[in-house]
Protein backbone atom coordinates (compact mmCIF):
# COMPACT_ATOMS: atom_id res chain seq x y z
CA MET A 1 -0.37 0.16 -0.06
CA ALA A 2 2.50 2.41 1.03
CA ASP A 3 4.24 2.16 -2.77
CA ALA A 4 0.62 2.68 -4.33
CA GLU A 5 1.05 6.12 -2.33
CA HIS A 6 4.65 6.87 -3.22
CA ASP A 7 5.38 10.31 -5.36
CA HIS A 8 7.19 9.01 -8.98
CA SER A 9 7.44 12.08 -10.11
CA LEU A 10 10.54 13.15 -8.45
CA ALA A 11 12.12 9.76 -10.22
CA GLY A 12 12.32 11.28 -13.60
CA THR A 13 13.61 14.73 -12.65
CA ALA A 14 16.69 12.72 -10.53
CA SER A 15 17.40 10.64 -13.55
CA ARG A 16 17.61 14.28 -15.62
CA ALA A 17 19.75 15.82 -13.93
CA ALA A 18 21.95 12.35 -13.58
CA ARG A 19 22.12 12.19 -17.11
CA LEU A 20 22.75 15.97 -17.57
CA TRP A 21 25.70 15.53 -14.99
CA SER A 22 26.90 11.97 -16.42
CA GLY A 23 28.31 13.61 -19.78
CA GLY A 24 25.74 13.01 -21.71
CA ALA A 25 26.36 16.03 -23.43
CA LEU A 26 29.85 15.04 -24.34
CA HIS A 27 28.56 11.77 -26.12
CA ARG A 28 26.03 13.86 -27.88
CA HIS A 29 28.15 16.88 -28.91
CA GLN A 30 31.78 14.76 -29.84
CA VAL A 31 31.85 16.38 -33.47
CA PRO A 32 31.23 20.24 -32.76
CA LEU A 33 34.09 19.80 -29.33
CA THR A 34 36.35 18.11 -31.97
CA MET A 35 36.42 20.90 -34.07
CA VAL A 36 36.43 23.10 -31.66
CA GLY A 37 39.51 21.33 -30.43
CA LEU A 38 41.20 21.22 -33.79
CA ALA A 39 40.47 24.90 -33.95
CA CYS A 40 42.11 25.60 -30.71
CA LEU A 41 44.80 23.51 -32.01
CA ALA A 42 44.74 25.59 -34.78
CA VAL A 43 44.48 29.10 -33.78
CA GLY A 44 47.88 28.29 -31.50
CA ILE A 45 49.81 27.00 -33.97
CA LEU A 46 49.07 30.04 -35.99
CA VAL A 47 49.57 32.41 -34.12
CA ALA A 48 53.03 30.68 -33.02
CA VAL A 49 53.94 30.95 -36.65
CA LEU A 50 52.11 33.85 -37.85
CA VAL A 51 52.78 36.60 -34.62
CA PRO A 52 56.11 38.19 -34.66
CA ASP A 53 56.38 38.98 -31.30
CA ASP A 54 57.91 37.01 -28.49
CA GLY A 55 56.87 38.51 -25.18
CA PRO A 56 54.71 36.93 -22.56
CA ALA A 57 51.72 37.71 -23.88
CA TRP A 58 52.60 35.80 -27.21
CA THR A 59 53.97 32.46 -25.04
CA MET A 60 50.87 32.66 -23.08
CA ALA A 61 48.36 33.02 -25.95
CA VAL A 62 50.07 30.24 -27.91
CA ALA A 63 50.54 27.51 -24.78
CA GLY A 64 46.64 28.19 -23.88
CA CYS A 65 45.41 27.62 -27.17
CA LEU A 66 47.12 25.12 -27.83
CA ALA A 67 46.68 23.31 -23.86
CA ALA A 68 42.53 24.09 -24.90
CA GLY A 69 42.98 22.03 -27.87
CA VAL A 70 44.58 19.40 -26.04
CA LEU A 71 42.80 19.19 -22.70
CA LEU A 72 39.44 19.26 -24.94
CA LEU A 73 40.42 16.49 -27.40
CA GLY A 74 42.16 14.14 -24.76
CA ARG A 75 39.13 14.50 -22.99
CA ILE A 76 36.54 12.93 -25.68
CA LEU A 77 39.27 10.26 -26.53
CA PHE A 78 39.54 9.34 -22.89
CA THR A 79 35.10 8.54 -23.28
CA VAL A 80 35.66 7.47 -26.49
CA LEU A 81 37.68 4.63 -24.83
CA ARG A 82 36.69 4.41 -21.52
CA HIS A 83 33.66 3.39 -23.05
CA GLY A 84 34.09 1.79 -25.82
CA ARG A 85 31.98 3.24 -28.47
CA GLY A 86 32.41 5.52 -31.17
CA VAL A 87 31.17 8.89 -32.38
CA THR A 88 27.42 9.21 -32.09
CA LEU A 89 25.59 11.78 -34.24
């Protein structure tokens, strides 16, 4: 009898929140995030090659762009290898 009176409306909310924080967005948006990671790497390389300045701001810009691209692509690669699935569209 107690189970019949239990409100199950919160169960759907909890599972939706669990999916939100469990990396679901990373699975759904792997292709756009991969493109962003590659763009970060490309911007870092272009700044390193095309900008003639060698000051600390230049170094930080190059390192920041390269690090952002590597971290994003590494996170996607880790997720793909961990779950054993390819890219989902």
